[in-house]
């Protein structure tokens, strides 16, 4: 059904460099931090963890997840994947520990230009999908579903998991007491 747009990009780079996908993901995450400068984004512990962890998990998980030839199984992977990514984004961005390199583009565009999270994420996904395609990455119907569906899902999840200043202060106070 295809891979998410960022993985279209990662595939293209991996095919041209002979690096594993996870390694490309780590290098891409680090390189993307340069794009944060004009967007006035600041890294946090979540940024560092995301930049390193996603690629490492990819190198392990790509060999562990079973392939399925059944369309129902593929649809389940697509829907669960999108929900997990959107939920995870809502949780870690809402915790305000720093966005991942790719999510930082979305948040930076939102904050700097006033574009909604939904639109900012969709713009980033479409642009990176086109770049990845020109580099040799592959598309499928799931790529388009992800590109146009993940922005609205992330925006929804950010609303669900947004931490209020009082919640953050209470958590900081509890941590200081321990």
N, C-alpha and C. Protein backbone atom coordinates (compact mmCIF):
# COMPACT_ATOMS: atom_id res chain seq x y z
N UNK A 1 0.81 -1.20 0.00
CA UNK A 1 0.00 0.00 0.00
C UNK A 1 0.85 1.26 0.00
N UNK A 2 2.14 1.11 0.19
CA UNK A 2 3.03 2.26 0.20
C UNK A 2 3.53 2.57 1.60
N UNK A 3 4.50 3.43 1.66
CA UNK A 3 5.10 3.85 2.93
C UNK A 3 4.74 5.32 3.17
N UNK A 4 4.87 5.80 4.40
CA UNK A 4 4.62 7.22 4.66
C UNK A 4 5.56 8.10 3.83
N UNK A 5 5.16 9.35 3.57
CA UNK A 5 5.98 10.23 2.73
C UNK A 5 7.43 10.38 3.19
N UNK A 6 7.66 10.49 4.49
CA UNK A 6 9.06 10.60 4.93
C UNK A 6 9.84 9.35 4.55
N UNK A 7 9.20 8.19 4.58
CA UNK A 7 9.90 6.97 4.20
C UNK A 7 10.09 6.86 2.70
N UNK A 8 9.26 7.53 1.90
CA UNK A 8 9.53 7.64 0.46
C UNK A 8 10.87 8.36 0.30
N UNK A 9 11.04 9.44 1.05
CA UNK A 9 12.30 10.18 1.03
C UNK A 9 13.45 9.31 1.52
N UNK A 10 13.25 8.65 2.66
CA UNK A 10 14.31 7.81 3.22
C UNK A 10 14.68 6.68 2.26
N UNK A 11 13.69 6.08 1.60
CA UNK A 11 13.96 5.04 0.60
C UNK A 11 14.83 5.59 -0.52
N UNK A 12 14.46 6.76 -1.02
CA UNK A 12 15.23 7.36 -2.11
C UNK A 12 16.68 7.59 -1.72
N UNK A 13 16.89 8.15 -0.53
CA UNK A 13 18.25 8.40 -0.06
C UNK A 13 18.98 7.08 0.16
N UNK A 14 18.31 6.12 0.79
CA UNK A 14 18.94 4.82 1.06
C UNK A 14 19.35 4.13 -0.25
N UNK A 15 18.49 4.21 -1.25
CA UNK A 15 18.81 3.61 -2.55
C UNK A 15 20.00 4.24 -3.22
N UNK A 16 20.19 5.51 -3.01
CA UNK A 16 21.31 6.22 -3.64
C UNK A 16 22.60 6.12 -2.83
N UNK A 17 22.50 5.79 -1.54
CA UNK A 17 23.69 5.77 -0.69
C UNK A 17 24.07 4.39 -0.21
N UNK A 18 23.17 3.42 -0.37
CA UNK A 18 23.41 2.06 0.12
C UNK A 18 23.37 1.97 1.65
N UNK A 19 22.84 2.98 2.33
CA UNK A 19 22.68 2.94 3.78
C UNK A 19 21.35 2.28 4.11
N UNK A 20 21.25 1.72 5.30
CA UNK A 20 19.98 1.16 5.77
C UNK A 20 19.02 2.31 6.07
N UNK A 21 17.73 2.00 5.94
CA UNK A 21 16.70 3.01 6.15
C UNK A 21 16.85 3.70 7.51
N UNK A 22 17.04 2.93 8.56
CA UNK A 22 17.15 3.51 9.90
C UNK A 22 18.30 4.49 10.01
N UNK A 23 19.40 4.16 9.36
CA UNK A 23 20.57 5.03 9.37
C UNK A 23 20.25 6.33 8.65
N UNK A 24 19.57 6.24 7.52
CA UNK A 24 19.15 7.43 6.78
C UNK A 24 18.20 8.27 7.63
N UNK A 25 17.31 7.63 8.37
CA UNK A 25 16.37 8.34 9.24
C UNK A 25 17.13 9.16 10.29
N UNK A 26 18.15 8.57 10.91
CA UNK A 26 18.94 9.27 11.91
C UNK A 26 19.67 10.46 11.28
N UNK A 27 20.35 10.23 10.17
CA UNK A 27 21.09 11.32 9.51
C UNK A 27 20.15 12.43 9.03
N UNK A 28 18.99 12.05 8.52
CA UNK A 28 18.01 13.04 8.07
C UNK A 28 17.53 13.87 9.26
N UNK A 29 17.23 13.21 10.36
CA UNK A 29 16.78 13.93 11.55
C UNK A 29 17.78 14.96 12.02
N UNK A 30 19.03 14.59 12.02
CA UNK A 30 20.09 15.52 12.45
C UNK A 30 20.20 16.68 11.46
N UNK A 31 20.17 16.38 10.16
CA UNK A 31 20.27 17.42 9.13
C UNK A 31 19.08 18.38 9.18
N UNK A 32 17.90 17.87 9.50
CA UNK A 32 16.70 18.73 9.55
C UNK A 32 16.78 19.81 10.61
N UNK A 33 17.59 19.61 11.62
CA UNK A 33 17.69 20.60 12.68
C UNK A 33 18.20 21.94 12.15
N UNK A 34 18.93 21.93 11.04
CA UNK A 34 19.39 23.18 10.43
C UNK A 34 18.19 24.00 9.93
N UNK A 35 17.14 23.30 9.44
CA UNK A 35 15.95 24.01 8.97
C UNK A 35 15.16 24.65 10.11
N UNK A 36 15.47 24.26 11.33
CA UNK A 36 14.79 24.84 12.49
C UNK A 36 15.23 26.28 12.74
N UNK A 37 16.42 26.64 12.29
CA UNK A 37 16.97 27.97 12.61
C UNK A 37 16.04 29.09 12.15
N UNK A 38 15.63 29.12 10.85
CA UNK A 38 14.71 30.21 10.45
C UNK A 38 13.31 30.07 11.06
N UNK A 39 12.96 28.87 11.52
CA UNK A 39 11.65 28.66 12.13
C UNK A 39 11.67 28.95 13.63
N UNK A 40 12.86 29.25 14.16
CA UNK A 40 13.05 29.61 15.58
C UNK A 40 12.62 28.50 16.54
N UNK A 41 12.90 27.27 16.16
CA UNK A 41 12.59 26.13 17.02
C UNK A 41 13.79 25.81 17.89
N UNK A 42 13.53 25.33 19.08
CA UNK A 42 14.61 24.96 20.00
C UNK A 42 14.49 23.48 20.34
N UNK A 43 15.62 22.78 20.27
CA UNK A 43 15.57 21.35 20.60
C UNK A 43 15.44 21.12 22.10
N UNK A 44 14.92 19.96 22.43
CA UNK A 44 14.82 19.52 23.81
C UNK A 44 15.21 18.06 23.88
N UNK A 45 15.03 17.44 25.01
CA UNK A 45 15.37 16.02 25.17
C UNK A 45 14.54 15.16 24.22
N UNK A 46 13.30 15.54 23.97
CA UNK A 46 12.46 14.82 23.03
C UNK A 46 13.01 14.88 21.61
N UNK A 47 13.65 15.98 21.27
CA UNK A 47 14.25 16.15 19.95
C UNK A 47 15.38 15.14 19.76
N UNK A 48 16.26 15.09 20.73
CA UNK A 48 17.42 14.20 20.65
C UNK A 48 16.96 12.74 20.63
N UNK A 49 16.03 12.41 21.53
CA UNK A 49 15.55 11.02 21.60
C UNK A 49 14.87 10.62 20.29
N UNK A 50 14.05 11.51 19.73
CA UNK A 50 13.36 11.22 18.49
C UNK A 50 14.35 11.05 17.35
N UNK A 51 15.33 11.96 17.25
CA UNK A 51 16.29 11.91 16.15
C UNK A 51 17.06 10.60 16.14
N UNK A 52 17.39 10.08 17.30
CA UNK A 52 18.19 8.85 17.37
C UNK A 52 17.33 7.59 17.43
N UNK A 53 16.27 7.63 18.22
CA UNK A 53 15.49 6.43 18.50
C UNK A 53 14.68 5.92 17.31
N UNK A 54 14.07 6.81 16.54
CA UNK A 54 13.22 6.37 15.43
C UNK A 54 14.01 5.53 14.43
N UNK A 55 15.18 6.00 14.06
CA UNK A 55 16.00 5.25 13.10
C UNK A 55 16.49 3.92 13.65
N UNK A 56 16.87 3.91 14.92
CA UNK A 56 17.33 2.66 15.52
C UNK A 56 16.20 1.63 15.58
N UNK A 57 15.01 2.09 15.98
CA UNK A 57 13.86 1.20 16.03
C UNK A 57 13.52 0.69 14.63
N UNK A 58 13.62 1.55 13.64
CA UNK A 58 13.35 1.14 12.25
C UNK A 58 14.27 0.00 11.83
N UNK A 59 15.55 0.11 12.14
CA UNK A 59 16.49 -0.95 11.76
C UNK A 59 16.14 -2.29 12.39
N UNK A 60 15.58 -2.25 13.59
CA UNK A 60 15.19 -3.48 14.28
C UNK A 60 13.82 -3.95 13.81
N UNK A 61 12.85 -3.04 13.78
CA UNK A 61 11.46 -3.41 13.52
C UNK A 61 11.20 -3.89 12.10
N UNK A 62 11.96 -3.38 11.12
CA UNK A 62 11.69 -3.78 9.74
C UNK A 62 11.86 -5.28 9.54
N UNK A 63 12.64 -5.91 10.37
CA UNK A 63 12.84 -7.34 10.25
C UNK A 63 11.91 -8.14 11.17
N UNK A 64 11.27 -7.48 12.13
CA UNK A 64 10.41 -8.17 13.08
C UNK A 64 8.94 -8.19 12.68
N UNK A 65 8.46 -7.11 12.06
CA UNK A 65 7.05 -7.05 11.68
C UNK A 65 6.78 -7.99 10.52
N UNK A 66 5.78 -8.82 10.65
CA UNK A 66 5.48 -9.75 9.55
C UNK A 66 4.85 -9.04 8.36
N UNK A 67 5.22 -9.47 7.17
CA UNK A 67 4.58 -8.98 5.95
C UNK A 67 3.24 -9.68 5.82
N UNK A 68 2.30 -9.01 5.22
CA UNK A 68 1.03 -9.65 4.98
C UNK A 68 0.63 -9.42 3.53
N UNK A 69 0.17 -10.45 2.91
CA UNK A 69 -0.30 -10.35 1.53
C UNK A 69 -1.78 -10.03 1.47
N UNK A 70 -2.42 -9.98 2.61
CA UNK A 70 -3.86 -9.74 2.67
C UNK A 70 -4.16 -8.25 2.79
N UNK A 71 -5.07 -7.76 2.02
CA UNK A 71 -5.42 -6.35 2.03
C UNK A 71 -5.96 -5.91 3.38
N UNK A 72 -6.69 -6.78 4.07
CA UNK A 72 -7.22 -6.43 5.39
C UNK A 72 -6.07 -6.19 6.37
N UNK A 73 -5.08 -7.04 6.36
CA UNK A 73 -3.92 -6.88 7.22
C UNK A 73 -3.17 -5.59 6.92
N UNK A 74 -3.05 -5.27 5.65
CA UNK A 74 -2.37 -4.03 5.26
C UNK A 74 -3.16 -2.80 5.70
N UNK A 75 -4.47 -2.87 5.59
CA UNK A 75 -5.30 -1.75 6.04
C UNK A 75 -5.20 -1.58 7.55
N UNK A 76 -5.15 -2.69 8.27
CA UNK A 76 -4.99 -2.63 9.73
C UNK A 76 -3.65 -1.97 10.07
N UNK A 77 -2.58 -2.38 9.39
CA UNK A 77 -1.27 -1.75 9.61
C UNK A 77 -1.34 -0.25 9.35
N UNK A 78 -1.99 0.14 8.26
CA UNK A 78 -2.08 1.55 7.88
C UNK A 78 -2.84 2.35 8.94
N UNK A 79 -4.01 1.88 9.32
CA UNK A 79 -4.84 2.61 10.28
C UNK A 79 -4.17 2.64 11.65
N UNK A 80 -3.69 1.50 12.13
CA UNK A 80 -3.03 1.47 13.44
C UNK A 80 -1.77 2.32 13.44
N UNK A 81 -1.02 2.25 12.35
CA UNK A 81 0.20 3.05 12.25
C UNK A 81 -0.09 4.54 12.34
N UNK A 82 -1.11 4.97 11.59
CA UNK A 82 -1.46 6.39 11.62
C UNK A 82 -1.95 6.82 13.00
N UNK A 83 -2.76 5.99 13.62
CA UNK A 83 -3.26 6.32 14.96
C UNK A 83 -2.14 6.35 15.99
N UNK A 84 -1.22 5.39 15.91
CA UNK A 84 -0.09 5.36 16.85
C UNK A 84 0.83 6.55 16.65
N UNK A 85 1.11 6.89 15.40
CA UNK A 85 1.98 8.04 15.12
C UNK A 85 1.32 9.33 15.60
N UNK A 86 0.04 9.52 15.28
CA UNK A 86 -0.66 10.73 15.69
C UNK A 86 -0.76 10.80 17.22
N UNK A 87 -1.12 9.69 17.86
CA UNK A 87 -1.20 9.66 19.32
C UNK A 87 0.14 9.91 19.97
N UNK A 88 1.18 9.26 19.44
CA UNK A 88 2.53 9.48 19.96
C UNK A 88 2.98 10.92 19.80
N UNK A 89 2.66 11.51 18.65
CA UNK A 89 3.00 12.92 18.41
C UNK A 89 2.28 13.81 19.42
N UNK A 90 1.00 13.54 19.63
CA UNK A 90 0.24 14.32 20.59
C UNK A 90 0.82 14.22 21.99
N UNK A 91 1.21 13.02 22.37
CA UNK A 91 1.76 12.81 23.71
C UNK A 91 3.10 13.51 23.91
N UNK A 92 4.05 13.28 22.99
CA UNK A 92 5.37 13.82 23.27
C UNK A 92 5.45 15.32 22.96
N UNK A 93 4.71 15.82 21.99
CA UNK A 93 4.69 17.26 21.76
C UNK A 93 3.93 17.95 22.89
N UNK A 94 2.83 17.35 23.32
CA UNK A 94 2.06 17.90 24.43
C UNK A 94 2.85 17.95 25.73
N UNK A 95 3.79 17.04 25.90
CA UNK A 95 4.63 17.03 27.10
C UNK A 95 5.66 18.15 27.09
N UNK A 96 5.80 18.80 25.93
CA UNK A 96 6.69 19.94 25.77
C UNK A 96 8.13 19.63 26.13
N UNK A 97 8.60 18.47 25.67
CA UNK A 97 9.99 18.09 25.88
C UNK A 97 10.84 18.29 24.63
N UNK A 98 10.29 18.99 23.65
CA UNK A 98 10.98 19.21 22.39
C UNK A 98 10.41 18.30 21.33
N UNK A 99 10.17 18.87 20.16
CA UNK A 99 9.63 18.07 19.06
C UNK A 99 10.74 17.32 18.36
N UNK A 100 10.36 16.25 17.66
CA UNK A 100 11.31 15.56 16.81
C UNK A 100 11.66 16.45 15.64
N UNK A 101 12.74 16.14 14.94
CA UNK A 101 13.18 16.98 13.83
C UNK A 101 12.11 17.21 12.77
N UNK A 102 11.36 16.17 12.41
CA UNK A 102 10.33 16.32 11.38
C UNK A 102 9.12 17.07 11.91
N UNK A 103 8.70 16.76 13.13
CA UNK A 103 7.58 17.46 13.75
C UNK A 103 7.92 18.92 14.04
N UNK A 104 9.20 19.20 14.25
CA UNK A 104 9.63 20.58 14.47
C UNK A 104 9.35 21.47 13.27
N UNK A 105 9.43 20.89 12.07
CA UNK A 105 9.09 21.66 10.87
C UNK A 105 7.61 22.05 10.91
N UNK A 106 6.77 21.08 11.25
CA UNK A 106 5.33 21.31 11.34
C UNK A 106 5.02 22.38 12.39
N UNK A 107 5.57 22.23 13.57
CA UNK A 107 5.31 23.17 14.66
C UNK A 107 5.91 24.54 14.33
N UNK A 108 7.09 24.57 13.73
CA UNK A 108 7.72 25.84 13.36
C UNK A 108 6.91 26.59 12.32
N UNK A 109 6.40 25.89 11.32
CA UNK A 109 5.56 26.53 10.30
C UNK A 109 4.29 27.06 10.96
N UNK A 110 3.73 26.28 11.86
CA UNK A 110 2.53 26.71 12.59
C UNK A 110 2.79 27.98 13.38
N UNK A 111 3.86 27.99 14.16
CA UNK A 111 4.14 29.12 15.03
C UNK A 111 4.63 30.35 14.28
N UNK A 112 5.44 30.14 13.28
CA UNK A 112 6.05 31.28 12.55
C UNK A 112 5.09 31.92 11.56
N UNK A 113 4.25 31.11 10.91
CA UNK A 113 3.41 31.63 9.83
C UNK A 113 1.91 31.56 10.13
N UNK A 114 1.54 31.01 11.27
CA UNK A 114 0.13 30.96 11.65
C UNK A 114 -0.69 29.93 10.89
N UNK A 115 -0.03 29.02 10.21
CA UNK A 115 -0.71 27.95 9.48
C UNK A 115 -1.12 26.88 10.50
N UNK A 116 -2.30 26.31 10.36
CA UNK A 116 -2.74 25.29 11.31
C UNK A 116 -1.79 24.09 11.28
N UNK A 117 -1.76 23.36 12.37
CA UNK A 117 -0.95 22.14 12.43
C UNK A 117 -1.35 21.20 11.31
N UNK A 118 -2.63 21.06 11.09
CA UNK A 118 -3.16 20.17 10.04
C UNK A 118 -2.57 20.52 8.68
N UNK A 119 -2.62 21.79 8.32
CA UNK A 119 -2.13 22.24 7.02
C UNK A 119 -0.60 22.17 6.97
N UNK A 120 0.06 22.60 8.05
CA UNK A 120 1.52 22.57 8.09
C UNK A 120 2.05 21.15 7.91
N UNK A 121 1.45 20.19 8.62
CA UNK A 121 1.90 18.80 8.52
C UNK A 121 1.65 18.26 7.12
N UNK A 122 0.50 18.57 6.55
CA UNK A 122 0.18 18.09 5.20
C UNK A 122 1.15 18.68 4.19
N UNK A 123 1.46 19.96 4.32
CA UNK A 123 2.42 20.60 3.40
C UNK A 123 3.79 19.90 3.47
N UNK A 124 4.27 19.68 4.68
CA UNK A 124 5.57 19.03 4.85
C UNK A 124 5.54 17.63 4.24
N UNK A 125 4.49 16.86 4.52
CA UNK A 125 4.39 15.49 4.01
C UNK A 125 4.37 15.46 2.47
N UNK A 126 3.63 16.36 1.84
CA UNK A 126 3.53 16.38 0.38
C UNK A 126 4.86 16.78 -0.24
N UNK A 127 5.50 17.81 0.31
CA UNK A 127 6.79 18.24 -0.24
C UNK A 127 7.83 17.13 -0.14
N UNK A 128 7.91 16.50 1.03
CA UNK A 128 8.92 15.45 1.21
C UNK A 128 8.60 14.21 0.36
N UNK A 129 7.31 13.96 0.12
CA UNK A 129 6.91 12.85 -0.75
C UNK A 129 7.40 13.11 -2.18
N UNK A 130 7.24 14.32 -2.65
CA UNK A 130 7.68 14.66 -4.01
C UNK A 130 9.20 14.56 -4.13
N UNK A 131 9.91 15.08 -3.14
CA UNK A 131 11.37 14.98 -3.15
C UNK A 131 11.79 13.51 -3.13
N UNK A 132 11.16 12.72 -2.26
CA UNK A 132 11.49 11.30 -2.17
C UNK A 132 11.23 10.57 -3.46
N UNK A 133 10.15 10.90 -4.13
CA UNK A 133 9.83 10.28 -5.42
C UNK A 133 10.91 10.59 -6.45
N UNK A 134 11.39 11.83 -6.48
CA UNK A 134 12.44 12.18 -7.43
C UNK A 134 13.76 11.48 -7.11
N UNK A 135 13.95 11.09 -5.86
CA UNK A 135 15.16 10.37 -5.46
C UNK A 135 15.05 8.86 -5.69
N UNK A 136 13.86 8.39 -6.06
CA UNK A 136 13.69 6.98 -6.33
C UNK A 136 12.85 6.22 -5.33
N UNK A 137 12.25 6.92 -4.37
CA UNK A 137 11.36 6.27 -3.42
C UNK A 137 10.07 5.82 -4.10
N UNK A 138 9.34 4.93 -3.46
CA UNK A 138 8.13 4.39 -4.07
C UNK A 138 6.88 4.87 -3.34
N UNK A 139 5.81 5.01 -4.12
CA UNK A 139 4.52 5.46 -3.60
C UNK A 139 3.49 4.35 -3.69
N UNK A 140 2.47 4.46 -2.88
CA UNK A 140 1.30 3.60 -2.95
C UNK A 140 0.11 4.40 -2.47
N UNK A 141 -1.05 3.84 -2.53
CA UNK A 141 -2.25 4.53 -2.08
C UNK A 141 -2.16 4.89 -0.59
N UNK A 142 -1.50 4.04 0.18
CA UNK A 142 -1.31 4.33 1.60
C UNK A 142 -0.45 5.56 1.83
N UNK A 143 0.48 5.84 0.91
CA UNK A 143 1.32 7.03 1.01
C UNK A 143 0.45 8.29 0.95
N UNK A 144 -0.50 8.30 0.02
CA UNK A 144 -1.38 9.45 -0.12
C UNK A 144 -2.35 9.56 1.05
N UNK A 145 -2.86 8.41 1.51
CA UNK A 145 -3.76 8.42 2.68
C UNK A 145 -3.03 9.01 3.88
N UNK A 146 -1.79 8.57 4.07
CA UNK A 146 -1.00 9.08 5.18
C UNK A 146 -0.73 10.58 5.01
N UNK A 147 -0.28 10.98 3.82
CA UNK A 147 0.09 12.37 3.57
C UNK A 147 -1.05 13.34 3.87
N UNK A 148 -2.26 12.95 3.49
CA UNK A 148 -3.39 13.86 3.67
C UNK A 148 -4.20 13.57 4.94
N UNK A 149 -3.91 12.48 5.63
CA UNK A 149 -4.65 12.13 6.84
C UNK A 149 -3.92 12.38 8.13
N UNK A 150 -2.58 12.36 8.10
CA UNK A 150 -1.84 12.46 9.36
C UNK A 150 -1.92 13.86 9.97
N UNK A 151 -1.96 14.90 9.16
CA UNK A 151 -2.06 16.26 9.70
C UNK A 151 -3.30 16.48 10.54
N UNK A 152 -4.49 16.16 10.00
CA UNK A 152 -5.69 16.29 10.83
C UNK A 152 -5.66 15.42 12.08
N UNK A 153 -5.12 14.20 11.97
CA UNK A 153 -5.04 13.32 13.14
C UNK A 153 -4.11 13.90 14.21
N UNK A 154 -2.95 14.40 13.79
CA UNK A 154 -2.01 14.97 14.76
C UNK A 154 -2.63 16.20 15.42
N UNK A 155 -3.28 17.06 14.63
CA UNK A 155 -3.91 18.24 15.21
C UNK A 155 -4.95 17.83 16.26
N UNK A 156 -5.73 16.80 15.96
CA UNK A 156 -6.72 16.30 16.91
C UNK A 156 -6.04 15.79 18.18
N UNK A 157 -5.00 14.99 18.01
CA UNK A 157 -4.32 14.41 19.17
C UNK A 157 -3.60 15.46 20.01
N UNK A 158 -3.10 16.51 19.36
CA UNK A 158 -2.48 17.59 20.14
C UNK A 158 -3.51 18.26 21.03
N UNK A 159 -4.73 18.37 20.54
CA UNK A 159 -5.81 18.91 21.36
C UNK A 159 -6.15 18.01 22.53
N UNK A 160 -6.08 16.71 22.29
CA UNK A 160 -6.39 15.74 23.34
C UNK A 160 -5.30 15.72 24.41
N UNK A 161 -4.03 15.78 24.00
CA UNK A 161 -2.92 15.58 24.94
C UNK A 161 -2.21 16.86 25.35
N UNK A 162 -2.70 18.02 24.97
CA UNK A 162 -2.03 19.27 25.30
C UNK A 162 -1.96 19.43 26.81
N UNK A 163 -0.78 19.64 27.31
CA UNK A 163 -0.60 19.83 28.74
C UNK A 163 -0.78 21.31 29.08
N UNK A 164 -1.55 21.58 30.07
CA UNK A 164 -1.76 22.96 30.50
C UNK A 164 -0.56 23.41 31.34
N UNK A 165 -0.32 24.73 31.44
CA UNK A 165 0.78 25.21 32.28
C UNK A 165 0.66 24.76 33.73
N UNK A 166 -0.57 24.64 34.25
CA UNK A 166 -0.72 24.20 35.64
C UNK A 166 -0.34 22.73 35.80
N UNK A 167 -0.63 21.90 34.78
CA UNK A 167 -0.24 20.49 34.83
C UNK A 167 1.27 20.36 34.80
N UNK A 168 1.92 21.15 33.96
CA UNK A 168 3.38 21.11 33.86
C UNK A 168 4.00 21.58 35.18
N UNK A 169 3.47 22.66 35.74
CA UNK A 169 3.99 23.17 37.00
C UNK A 169 3.83 22.14 38.12
N UNK A 170 2.68 21.48 38.18
CA UNK A 170 2.44 20.47 39.20
C UNK A 170 3.40 19.29 39.04
N UNK A 171 3.62 18.86 37.80
CA UNK A 171 4.56 17.75 37.55
C UNK A 171 5.97 18.14 37.93
N UNK A 172 6.36 19.39 37.61
CA UNK A 172 7.70 19.86 37.96
C UNK A 172 7.87 19.94 39.47
N UNK A 173 6.82 20.38 40.17
CA UNK A 173 6.85 20.49 41.63
C UNK A 173 7.00 19.12 42.28
N UNK A 174 6.23 18.14 41.77
CA UNK A 174 6.30 16.78 42.29
C UNK A 174 7.69 16.19 42.07
N UNK A 175 8.26 16.43 40.88
CA UNK A 175 9.59 15.89 40.57
C UNK A 175 10.64 16.52 41.47
N UNK A 176 10.51 17.81 41.75
CA UNK A 176 11.47 18.49 42.61
C UNK A 176 11.42 17.99 44.04
N UNK A 177 10.20 17.61 44.50
CA UNK A 177 10.05 17.10 45.86
C UNK A 177 10.65 15.71 46.03
N UNK A 178 10.72 14.95 44.96
CA UNK A 178 11.25 13.58 45.04
C UNK A 178 12.71 13.64 44.91
